[in-house]
Amino acid sequence: MARYVPASPVLPFLLIAGLALLPGQTPSDPEFNRVARPFLAKNCAACHNSSLSSGGLNVQTFTTSKSVAQDRDQWEQMLHKAESGEMPPTGAPRPNPQDLEAFTTWVEHQFTQADAAQKPNPGRVTARRLNRAEYNNTIRDLLGVDFHPADDFPADDSGYGFDNVADALSLSPVLMEKYLSAAEKISQTRDIRT
């Protein structure tokens, strides 16, 4: 005989949360709804909507603050044109100065937040090798041997006027052979001194 198991009391909350995020639905975005949505609806949507898309812009696609980071180029153009007075066009009612100020401040704040959230890309790190002078000094300091093996190495390349820039210092097969030869000579010199 099947036993009745009561439903979990959490189930109704999960269903409501799931329905709230159905495709096409957007979560609440109070700042966007308070500042950007009314400004766009009043000053931009008449010409820049899904029917007209004047200038290839449809402001009705902007439904949350995230659209500022996702479509930054369009938002930068809108901000520039609103601040410079190019939009709304001549003959259309001008936005209220307080509304314009609130809108531009909000958009600039969104840009600042998006910039702060960016993960910087420091680029690649080049493996660095010692130049000839550094190599000789290192052997002297580490082993206490007054021997200058790097004098036989090929001349170091320079970058930006310096011979210790990692991007300019390559490791050629000839230099690798010189390293191995120098290591043998250093070990023989070290053995004699100890």
Foldseek 3Di string as FASTA:
>chain_A
DDDDDDDDPCVVVVVVVVVCPDPPHDPDAPLCVVAVPVCCVVFPQVQCDPVHNVVVHHCVVDDHLVVCLVVVVVLVVVLVCLVVVPPPHPPDDRDDPVSNVSRNVVSVVSVVVSVVPDDDDPDDDFDFDDAQVRVQVCLCVPLVDNDRLSVPAPHAFDDPPHRRDRVRGDCDPRRVVSVVVVVVVSVVRSVVVD
